[in-house]
């Protein structure tokens, strides 16, 4: 189904429901682009080129002191993020993270990462806490596989200090190896 989107009286474009439009600031982004932060301003752009690095070893699924830490990404605004553990590209785990790792309330994805470059998918998140694995599913995030063999995630602001998007090193990357 096609729709005509008008930003102003003379500024319209055609979009389809399989390529939804995104409102950004005072305009709509054309298909294939998203609202990203460039030099502190919300603009239409490519998520694989304009993301914030999230490099916090406390968020690692290997961190054994996760319960004692207030996750810094609680304070992060919504946006596109690339995860690192140290100098290595990381990804949100697709399996449960052990108790006391990463945070008290640990988030992981319930479905696989995309396997096609430049593909953006929506994935459900699963909350685990204490020894309960995947206790409930509620939020969704967008995930994109970028050329260069890394993922970017459109993350939402988290509900509290003891909740975190966990980061893990994973094998089975879609391309050669993570950068």
N, C-alpha and C. Protein backbone atom coordinates (compact mmCIF):
# COMPACT_ATOMS: atom_id res chain seq x y z
N UNK A 1 0.84 -1.18 0.00
CA UNK A 1 0.00 0.00 0.00
C UNK A 1 0.89 1.24 0.00
N UNK A 2 0.58 2.20 -0.82
CA UNK A 2 1.34 3.43 -0.92
C UNK A 2 0.66 4.55 -0.14
N UNK A 3 1.47 5.42 0.43
CA UNK A 3 0.97 6.60 1.13
C UNK A 3 1.76 7.80 0.67
N UNK A 4 1.13 8.94 0.64
CA UNK A 4 1.83 10.19 0.37
C UNK A 4 1.99 10.91 1.70
N UNK A 5 3.22 11.24 2.04
CA UNK A 5 3.54 11.93 3.28
C UNK A 5 3.96 13.35 2.92
N UNK A 6 3.33 14.33 3.56
CA UNK A 6 3.67 15.72 3.31
C UNK A 6 4.25 16.35 4.57
N UNK A 7 5.43 16.91 4.42
CA UNK A 7 6.08 17.62 5.51
C UNK A 7 5.56 19.05 5.55
N UNK A 8 5.34 19.61 4.40
CA UNK A 8 4.74 20.93 4.27
C UNK A 8 3.88 20.92 3.01
N UNK A 9 3.30 22.05 2.67
CA UNK A 9 2.39 22.10 1.53
C UNK A 9 3.07 21.67 0.23
N UNK A 10 4.33 22.04 0.03
CA UNK A 10 5.04 21.73 -1.21
C UNK A 10 6.06 20.61 -1.07
N UNK A 11 6.16 19.98 0.08
CA UNK A 11 7.21 18.99 0.32
C UNK A 11 6.58 17.64 0.67
N UNK A 12 6.29 16.83 -0.37
CA UNK A 12 5.65 15.53 -0.18
C UNK A 12 6.49 14.44 -0.82
N UNK A 13 6.35 13.21 -0.31
CA UNK A 13 7.00 12.07 -0.94
C UNK A 13 6.13 10.84 -0.76
N UNK A 14 6.38 9.85 -1.63
CA UNK A 14 5.62 8.61 -1.62
C UNK A 14 6.34 7.58 -0.77
N UNK A 15 5.61 6.88 0.08
CA UNK A 15 6.20 5.80 0.88
C UNK A 15 5.26 4.60 0.81
N UNK A 16 5.78 3.45 1.21
CA UNK A 16 4.96 2.23 1.25
C UNK A 16 4.91 1.74 2.68
N UNK A 17 3.92 0.92 2.99
CA UNK A 17 3.79 0.42 4.36
C UNK A 17 4.90 -0.55 4.72
N UNK A 18 5.57 -1.16 3.72
CA UNK A 18 6.69 -2.05 4.05
C UNK A 18 7.98 -1.27 4.27
N UNK A 19 7.98 0.02 3.99
CA UNK A 19 9.10 0.91 4.30
C UNK A 19 8.54 2.10 5.07
N UNK A 20 8.28 1.92 6.35
CA UNK A 20 7.62 2.99 7.11
C UNK A 20 8.50 4.23 7.24
N UNK A 21 7.85 5.36 7.35
CA UNK A 21 8.54 6.63 7.52
C UNK A 21 8.77 6.88 9.00
N UNK A 22 9.74 7.72 9.29
CA UNK A 22 10.10 8.04 10.67
C UNK A 22 10.06 9.56 10.82
N UNK A 23 9.37 10.05 11.82
CA UNK A 23 9.33 11.48 12.08
C UNK A 23 10.60 11.87 12.83
N UNK A 24 11.24 12.96 12.41
CA UNK A 24 12.51 13.39 13.00
C UNK A 24 12.53 14.91 13.05
N UNK A 25 12.48 15.45 14.26
CA UNK A 25 12.49 16.91 14.40
C UNK A 25 11.24 17.50 13.77
N UNK A 26 11.41 18.21 12.68
CA UNK A 26 10.29 18.85 11.98
C UNK A 26 9.98 18.19 10.65
N UNK A 27 10.54 17.00 10.39
CA UNK A 27 10.37 16.39 9.07
C UNK A 27 10.21 14.87 9.20
N UNK A 28 9.89 14.24 8.10
CA UNK A 28 9.86 12.78 8.02
C UNK A 28 11.10 12.32 7.28
N UNK A 29 11.71 11.25 7.74
CA UNK A 29 12.87 10.69 7.05
C UNK A 29 12.39 9.82 5.90
N UNK A 30 13.10 9.87 4.77
CA UNK A 30 12.74 9.00 3.65
C UNK A 30 13.01 7.53 4.00
N UNK A 31 12.38 6.60 3.29
CA UNK A 31 12.63 5.18 3.55
C UNK A 31 14.12 4.86 3.50
N UNK A 32 14.55 4.01 4.43
CA UNK A 32 15.96 3.62 4.50
C UNK A 32 16.78 4.47 5.45
N UNK A 33 16.22 5.58 5.92
CA UNK A 33 16.92 6.41 6.88
C UNK A 33 16.14 6.42 8.19
N UNK A 34 16.82 6.84 9.24
CA UNK A 34 16.20 6.91 10.55
C UNK A 34 16.58 8.23 11.19
N UNK A 35 15.95 8.53 12.29
CA UNK A 35 16.28 9.73 13.03
C UNK A 35 17.51 9.43 13.89
N UNK A 36 18.62 10.09 13.60
CA UNK A 36 19.87 9.87 14.31
C UNK A 36 20.36 11.21 14.85
N UNK A 37 21.25 11.15 15.81
CA UNK A 37 21.84 12.37 16.37
C UNK A 37 23.16 12.64 15.65
N UNK A 38 23.25 13.79 14.99
CA UNK A 38 24.46 14.20 14.29
C UNK A 38 24.86 15.55 14.86
N UNK A 39 26.05 15.61 15.48
CA UNK A 39 26.53 16.84 16.12
C UNK A 39 25.50 17.41 17.09
N UNK A 40 24.85 16.53 17.85
CA UNK A 40 23.91 16.95 18.87
C UNK A 40 22.52 17.32 18.38
N UNK A 41 22.26 17.16 17.09
CA UNK A 41 20.97 17.52 16.51
C UNK A 41 20.31 16.31 15.88
N UNK A 42 19.01 16.15 16.09
CA UNK A 42 18.27 15.06 15.46
C UNK A 42 18.11 15.36 13.98
N UNK A 43 18.60 14.43 13.14
CA UNK A 43 18.53 14.57 11.69
C UNK A 43 18.27 13.21 11.06
N UNK A 44 17.82 13.22 9.82
CA UNK A 44 17.68 11.97 9.08
C UNK A 44 19.07 11.51 8.66
N UNK A 45 19.34 10.23 8.84
CA UNK A 45 20.65 9.71 8.47
C UNK A 45 20.69 8.20 8.55
N UNK A 46 21.87 7.66 8.33
CA UNK A 46 22.11 6.22 8.32
C UNK A 46 22.61 5.77 9.68
N UNK A 47 21.90 4.83 10.31
CA UNK A 47 22.23 4.37 11.66
C UNK A 47 23.61 3.72 11.73
N UNK A 48 24.06 3.08 10.66
CA UNK A 48 25.37 2.42 10.67
C UNK A 48 26.52 3.42 10.66
N UNK A 49 26.23 4.66 10.32
CA UNK A 49 27.26 5.70 10.28
C UNK A 49 27.16 6.67 11.46
N UNK A 50 26.00 6.77 12.06
CA UNK A 50 25.77 7.74 13.13
C UNK A 50 25.17 7.02 14.33
N UNK A 51 26.03 6.55 15.21
CA UNK A 51 25.60 5.82 16.40
C UNK A 51 26.47 6.26 17.56
N UNK A 52 26.04 5.93 18.75
CA UNK A 52 26.82 6.19 19.96
C UNK A 52 27.45 4.88 20.41
N UNK A 53 28.73 4.92 20.74
CA UNK A 53 29.39 3.72 21.26
C UNK A 53 29.00 3.50 22.71
N UNK A 54 28.60 2.30 23.02
CA UNK A 54 28.28 1.90 24.39
C UNK A 54 29.34 0.89 24.81
N UNK A 55 30.36 1.40 25.50
CA UNK A 55 31.49 0.56 25.89
C UNK A 55 31.64 0.64 27.40
N UNK A 56 30.99 -0.28 28.08
CA UNK A 56 31.00 -0.30 29.53
C UNK A 56 31.17 -1.74 29.98
N UNK A 57 32.33 -2.07 30.52
CA UNK A 57 32.60 -3.46 30.91
C UNK A 57 31.63 -3.97 31.96
N UNK A 58 30.98 -3.07 32.70
CA UNK A 58 29.98 -3.52 33.67
C UNK A 58 28.80 -4.19 32.98
N UNK A 59 28.55 -3.87 31.72
CA UNK A 59 27.42 -4.44 31.00
C UNK A 59 27.73 -5.80 30.39
N UNK A 60 28.96 -6.24 30.52
CA UNK A 60 29.36 -7.52 29.96
C UNK A 60 28.65 -8.67 30.67
N UNK A 61 28.25 -9.67 29.90
CA UNK A 61 27.63 -10.85 30.50
C UNK A 61 28.64 -11.65 31.32
N UNK A 62 29.92 -11.25 31.25
CA UNK A 62 30.96 -11.92 32.04
C UNK A 62 31.28 -11.17 33.33
N UNK A 63 30.69 -10.00 33.53
CA UNK A 63 30.90 -9.23 34.75
C UNK A 63 30.20 -9.94 35.91
N UNK A 64 30.96 -10.34 36.92
CA UNK A 64 30.37 -11.11 38.03
C UNK A 64 29.85 -10.22 39.15
N UNK A 65 29.96 -8.90 39.01
CA UNK A 65 29.48 -7.98 40.05
C UNK A 65 28.30 -7.15 39.56
N UNK A 66 27.50 -7.69 38.67
CA UNK A 66 26.41 -6.94 38.05
C UNK A 66 25.37 -6.42 39.01
N UNK A 67 25.10 -7.12 40.10
CA UNK A 67 24.05 -6.68 41.03
C UNK A 67 24.43 -5.44 41.81
N UNK A 68 25.72 -5.13 41.89
CA UNK A 68 26.16 -4.01 42.72
C UNK A 68 26.35 -2.72 41.93
N UNK A 69 25.91 -2.69 40.70
CA UNK A 69 26.20 -1.56 39.83
C UNK A 69 24.91 -0.94 39.31
N UNK A 70 24.86 0.37 39.31
CA UNK A 70 23.75 1.08 38.69
C UNK A 70 24.13 1.36 37.25
N UNK A 71 23.47 0.72 36.33
CA UNK A 71 23.83 0.80 34.92
C UNK A 71 23.79 2.23 34.41
N UNK A 72 24.87 2.64 33.76
CA UNK A 72 24.93 3.96 33.15
C UNK A 72 23.95 4.12 32.00
N UNK A 73 23.56 2.99 31.35
CA UNK A 73 22.66 3.17 30.22
C UNK A 73 21.22 3.44 30.64
N UNK A 74 20.96 3.46 31.94
CA UNK A 74 19.66 3.93 32.43
C UNK A 74 19.49 5.40 32.06
N UNK A 75 20.58 6.13 32.04
CA UNK A 75 20.54 7.56 31.78
C UNK A 75 20.64 7.90 30.30
N UNK A 76 20.89 6.92 29.46
CA UNK A 76 21.07 7.18 28.04
C UNK A 76 19.73 7.44 27.36
N UNK A 77 19.70 8.41 26.46
CA UNK A 77 18.45 8.67 25.74
C UNK A 77 18.22 7.61 24.66
N UNK A 78 17.01 7.59 24.12
CA UNK A 78 16.73 6.70 23.00
C UNK A 78 17.66 7.06 21.86
N UNK A 79 18.14 6.06 21.14
CA UNK A 79 19.00 6.31 19.99
C UNK A 79 19.67 5.04 19.51
N UNK A 80 20.50 5.18 18.51
CA UNK A 80 21.23 4.05 17.93
C UNK A 80 22.56 3.89 18.64
N UNK A 81 22.87 2.66 19.04
CA UNK A 81 24.08 2.36 19.80
C UNK A 81 24.80 1.16 19.19
N UNK A 82 26.12 1.21 19.26
CA UNK A 82 26.97 0.06 18.93
C UNK A 82 27.64 -0.37 20.22
N UNK A 83 27.57 -1.66 20.54
CA UNK A 83 28.09 -2.17 21.81
C UNK A 83 29.50 -2.72 21.66
N UNK A 84 30.28 -2.49 22.70
CA UNK A 84 31.64 -3.02 22.79
C UNK A 84 31.85 -3.64 24.16
N UNK A 85 32.70 -4.65 24.22
CA UNK A 85 33.26 -5.14 25.47
C UNK A 85 34.77 -5.00 25.28
N UNK A 86 35.34 -4.02 25.96
CA UNK A 86 36.74 -3.69 25.71
C UNK A 86 36.86 -3.10 24.31
N UNK A 87 37.77 -3.64 23.51
CA UNK A 87 37.97 -3.16 22.15
C UNK A 87 37.23 -4.01 21.12
N UNK A 88 36.44 -4.97 21.58
CA UNK A 88 35.79 -5.91 20.68
C UNK A 88 34.31 -5.58 20.52
N UNK A 89 33.83 -5.60 19.28
CA UNK A 89 32.41 -5.43 19.02
C UNK A 89 31.64 -6.49 19.79
N UNK A 90 30.51 -6.09 20.33
CA UNK A 90 29.69 -7.02 21.11
C UNK A 90 28.26 -6.96 20.60
N UNK A 91 27.45 -7.87 21.09
CA UNK A 91 26.05 -7.87 20.72
C UNK A 91 25.21 -8.23 21.93
N UNK A 92 23.94 -7.85 21.89
CA UNK A 92 23.02 -8.23 22.95
C UNK A 92 22.80 -9.73 22.85
N UNK A 93 22.97 -10.46 23.95
CA UNK A 93 22.82 -11.92 23.90
C UNK A 93 21.41 -12.35 23.48
N UNK A 94 21.35 -13.52 22.87
CA UNK A 94 20.08 -14.13 22.47
C UNK A 94 19.67 -15.23 23.45
N UNK A 95 20.47 -15.43 24.47
CA UNK A 95 20.19 -16.43 25.50
C UNK A 95 20.27 -15.75 26.86
N UNK A 96 19.77 -16.43 27.87
CA UNK A 96 19.75 -15.86 29.21
C UNK A 96 21.16 -15.61 29.73
N UNK A 97 21.30 -14.50 30.42
CA UNK A 97 22.55 -14.14 31.06
C UNK A 97 22.47 -14.61 32.51
N UNK A 98 23.55 -15.18 32.99
CA UNK A 98 23.58 -15.73 34.35
C UNK A 98 23.23 -14.69 35.41
N UNK A 99 22.70 -15.18 36.52
CA UNK A 99 22.39 -14.35 37.67
C UNK A 99 23.63 -13.59 38.12
N UNK A 100 23.45 -12.35 38.55
CA UNK A 100 24.51 -11.47 39.05
C UNK A 100 25.48 -11.02 37.97
N UNK A 101 25.18 -11.24 36.73
CA UNK A 101 26.02 -10.76 35.63
C UNK A 101 25.33 -9.56 34.99
N UNK A 102 26.08 -8.59 34.58
CA UNK A 102 25.59 -7.44 33.83
C UNK A 102 24.75 -6.50 34.71
N UNK A 103 23.68 -6.97 35.31
CA UNK A 103 22.81 -6.15 36.15
C UNK A 103 21.84 -7.08 36.88
N UNK A 104 21.08 -6.52 37.80
CA UNK A 104 20.08 -7.34 38.50
C UNK A 104 18.97 -7.75 37.53
N UNK A 105 18.43 -6.78 36.79
CA UNK A 105 17.44 -7.06 35.74
C UNK A 105 18.17 -7.04 34.41
N UNK A 106 18.35 -8.21 33.82
CA UNK A 106 19.15 -8.35 32.62
C UNK A 106 18.25 -8.48 31.39
N UNK A 107 18.62 -7.80 30.33
CA UNK A 107 17.85 -7.85 29.09
C UNK A 107 18.61 -8.63 28.02
N UNK A 108 17.91 -9.51 27.35
CA UNK A 108 18.47 -10.19 26.19
C UNK A 108 17.37 -10.29 25.14
N UNK A 109 17.76 -10.58 23.91
CA UNK A 109 16.79 -10.69 22.82
C UNK A 109 16.20 -12.10 22.81
N UNK A 110 14.98 -12.20 22.32
CA UNK A 110 14.31 -13.51 22.26
C UNK A 110 14.36 -14.12 20.87
N UNK A 111 14.89 -13.38 19.90
CA UNK A 111 14.97 -13.85 18.52
C UNK A 111 16.35 -13.56 17.98
N UNK A 112 16.74 -14.22 16.87
CA UNK A 112 18.09 -14.02 16.33
C UNK A 112 18.32 -12.62 15.76
N UNK A 113 19.59 -12.27 15.68
CA UNK A 113 20.01 -11.04 15.02
C UNK A 113 19.77 -11.17 13.51
N UNK A 114 19.67 -10.04 12.81
CA UNK A 114 19.53 -10.12 11.34
C UNK A 114 20.79 -10.71 10.71
N UNK A 115 20.63 -11.32 9.56
CA UNK A 115 21.76 -11.95 8.88
C UNK A 115 22.06 -11.30 7.54
N UNK A 116 21.22 -10.40 7.08
CA UNK A 116 21.44 -9.69 5.82
C UNK A 116 21.96 -8.29 6.12
N UNK A 117 23.01 -7.89 5.41
CA UNK A 117 23.55 -6.55 5.59
C UNK A 117 22.50 -5.49 5.28
N UNK A 118 22.52 -4.44 6.06
CA UNK A 118 21.63 -3.29 5.90
C UNK A 118 20.18 -3.63 6.24
N UNK A 119 19.95 -4.80 6.83
CA UNK A 119 18.61 -5.22 7.22
C UNK A 119 18.33 -4.75 8.64
N UNK A 120 17.18 -4.10 8.84
CA UNK A 120 16.74 -3.69 10.16
C UNK A 120 15.55 -4.54 10.56
N UNK A 121 15.62 -5.13 11.75
CA UNK A 121 14.53 -5.97 12.25
C UNK A 121 14.10 -5.47 13.62
N UNK A 122 12.89 -5.80 14.00
CA UNK A 122 12.39 -5.50 15.34
C UNK A 122 12.43 -6.79 16.14
N UNK A 123 12.99 -6.71 17.36
CA UNK A 123 13.13 -7.89 18.20
C UNK A 123 12.57 -7.61 19.59
N UNK A 124 11.96 -8.65 20.16
CA UNK A 124 11.46 -8.58 21.53
C UNK A 124 12.60 -8.74 22.51
N UNK A 125 12.44 -8.10 23.65
CA UNK A 125 13.41 -8.23 24.73
C UNK A 125 12.81 -9.05 25.85
N UNK A 126 13.66 -9.80 26.51
CA UNK A 126 13.24 -10.64 27.61
C UNK A 126 13.97 -10.18 28.86
N UNK A 127 13.23 -10.02 29.94
CA UNK A 127 13.81 -9.61 31.23
C UNK A 127 14.10 -10.85 32.06
N UNK A 128 15.31 -10.93 32.58
CA UNK A 128 15.66 -11.97 33.55
C UNK A 128 16.09 -11.27 34.82
N UNK A 129 15.75 -11.85 35.96
CA UNK A 129 16.22 -11.30 37.22
C UNK A 129 16.43 -12.45 38.20
N UNK A 130 17.31 -12.19 39.16
CA UNK A 130 17.69 -13.20 40.13
C UNK A 130 18.03 -14.48 39.36
N UNK A 131 17.45 -15.60 39.73
CA UNK A 131 17.74 -16.85 39.01
C UNK A 131 16.67 -17.16 37.96
N UNK A 132 15.73 -16.22 37.73
CA UNK A 132 14.67 -16.44 36.76
C UNK A 132 15.12 -16.02 35.37
N UNK A 133 15.12 -16.97 34.46
CA UNK A 133 15.54 -16.72 33.08
C UNK A 133 14.32 -16.36 32.24
N UNK A 134 14.39 -15.25 31.57
CA UNK A 134 13.33 -14.81 30.67
C UNK A 134 11.98 -14.82 31.38
N UNK A 135 11.93 -14.10 32.49
CA UNK A 135 10.74 -14.08 33.33
C UNK A 135 9.55 -13.44 32.61
N UNK A 136 9.82 -12.36 31.87
CA UNK A 136 8.75 -11.77 31.07
C UNK A 136 9.32 -11.01 29.89
N UNK A 137 8.51 -10.89 28.85
CA UNK A 137 8.88 -10.20 27.63
C UNK A 137 7.98 -8.98 27.50
N UNK A 138 8.59 -7.84 27.20
CA UNK A 138 7.73 -6.67 27.04
C UNK A 138 8.20 -5.75 25.92
N UNK A 139 9.35 -5.16 26.05
CA UNK A 139 9.79 -4.14 25.11
C UNK A 139 10.33 -4.74 23.82
N UNK A 140 10.44 -3.88 22.81
CA UNK A 140 11.09 -4.26 21.56
C UNK A 140 12.16 -3.22 21.24
N UNK A 141 13.13 -3.65 20.45
CA UNK A 141 14.17 -2.77 19.95
C UNK A 141 14.35 -3.05 18.46
N UNK A 142 15.01 -2.12 17.78
CA UNK A 142 15.39 -2.34 16.38
C UNK A 142 16.86 -2.73 16.36
N UNK A 143 17.21 -3.65 15.46
CA UNK A 143 18.58 -4.13 15.31
C UNK A 143 18.93 -4.08 13.84
N UNK A 144 20.13 -3.59 13.53
CA UNK A 144 20.56 -3.50 12.13
C UNK A 144 21.95 -4.09 11.99
N UNK A 145 22.14 -4.92 10.95
CA UNK A 145 23.45 -5.46 10.62
C UNK A 145 24.11 -4.52 9.62
N UNK A 146 25.28 -4.01 9.99
CA UNK A 146 25.99 -3.03 9.17
C UNK A 146 27.14 -3.68 8.41
N UNK A 147 27.47 -3.11 7.25
CA UNK A 147 28.67 -3.52 6.55
C UNK A 147 29.85 -3.24 7.47
N UNK A 148 30.79 -4.17 7.54
CA UNK A 148 31.87 -4.09 8.51
C UNK A 148 31.63 -5.09 9.62
N UNK A 149 30.54 -5.84 9.52
CA UNK A 149 30.24 -6.94 10.44
C UNK A 149 30.03 -6.49 11.88
N UNK A 150 29.16 -5.52 12.07
CA UNK A 150 28.76 -5.15 13.43
C UNK A 150 27.28 -4.80 13.43
N UNK A 151 26.71 -4.82 14.61
CA UNK A 151 25.30 -4.50 14.79
C UNK A 151 25.15 -3.15 15.47
N UNK A 152 24.07 -2.45 15.13
CA UNK A 152 23.66 -1.28 15.88
C UNK A 152 22.24 -1.54 16.37
N UNK A 153 21.95 -0.96 17.53
CA UNK A 153 20.67 -1.20 18.20
C UNK A 153 19.99 0.13 18.48
N UNK A 154 18.71 0.23 18.18
CA UNK A 154 17.94 1.41 18.57
C UNK A 154 17.34 1.09 19.93
N UNK A 155 17.99 1.61 20.97
CA UNK A 155 17.62 1.30 22.35
C UNK A 155 16.70 2.36 22.92
N UNK A 156 15.85 1.92 23.83
CA UNK A 156 14.95 2.80 24.55
C UNK A 156 15.56 3.13 25.91
N UNK A 157 15.15 4.23 26.49
CA UNK A 157 15.56 4.54 27.86
C UNK A 157 15.03 3.45 28.77
N UNK A 158 15.85 3.01 29.70
CA UNK A 158 15.48 1.91 30.59
C UNK A 158 14.67 2.41 31.79
N UNK A 159 13.83 1.52 32.36
CA UNK A 159 12.92 1.95 33.42
C UNK A 159 13.55 2.18 34.78
N UNK A 160 14.75 1.69 35.02
CA UNK A 160 15.32 1.86 36.35
C UNK A 160 16.80 1.59 36.39
N UNK A 161 17.38 1.94 37.51
CA UNK A 161 18.82 1.86 37.70
C UNK A 161 19.35 0.43 37.62
N UNK A 162 18.59 -0.55 38.04
CA UNK A 162 19.10 -1.92 38.11
C UNK A 162 18.76 -2.75 36.87
N UNK A 163 18.42 -2.09 35.76
CA UNK A 163 18.10 -2.78 34.51
C UNK A 163 19.14 -2.40 33.47
N UNK A 164 19.59 -3.38 32.68
CA UNK A 164 20.62 -3.09 31.69
C UNK A 164 20.46 -3.95 30.44
N UNK A 165 20.83 -3.37 29.30
CA UNK A 165 21.02 -4.14 28.09
C UNK A 165 22.39 -4.80 28.24
N UNK A 166 22.43 -6.10 28.28
CA UNK A 166 23.70 -6.80 28.45
C UNK A 166 24.45 -6.87 27.13
N UNK A 167 25.76 -6.99 27.22
CA UNK A 167 26.61 -7.10 26.04
C UNK A 167 27.43 -8.37 26.14
N UNK A 168 27.52 -9.08 25.03
CA UNK A 168 28.29 -10.31 25.03
C UNK A 168 29.09 -10.47 23.76
N UNK A 169 30.22 -11.13 23.88
CA UNK A 169 31.00 -11.52 22.71
C UNK A 169 30.39 -12.81 22.20
N UNK A 170 30.18 -12.87 20.92
CA UNK A 170 29.51 -14.03 20.36
C UNK A 170 30.26 -14.55 19.14
N UNK A 171 30.20 -15.85 18.97
CA UNK A 171 30.71 -16.44 17.73
C UNK A 171 29.56 -16.48 16.74
N UNK A 172 29.86 -16.87 15.53
CA UNK A 172 28.81 -16.97 14.54
C UNK A 172 28.42 -15.64 13.94
N UNK A 173 29.36 -14.71 13.85
CA UNK A 173 29.05 -13.43 13.22
C UNK A 173 28.76 -13.69 11.76
N UNK A 174 27.93 -12.87 11.16
CA UNK A 174 27.48 -13.13 9.79
C UNK A 174 28.58 -12.98 8.75
N UNK A 175 29.57 -12.18 9.00
CA UNK A 175 30.62 -11.95 8.02
C UNK A 175 31.93 -12.57 8.47
N UNK A 176 33.00 -11.92 8.14
CA UNK A 176 34.33 -12.45 8.44
C UNK A 176 34.59 -12.52 9.93
N UNK A 177 34.61 -11.40 10.58
CA UNK A 177 34.76 -11.35 12.04
C UNK A 177 34.43 -9.95 12.52
N UNK A 178 34.06 -9.80 13.78
CA UNK A 178 33.67 -8.47 14.26
C UNK A 178 34.85 -7.53 14.37
N UNK A 179 34.58 -6.25 14.17
CA UNK A 179 35.63 -5.24 14.29
C UNK A 179 35.48 -4.50 15.59
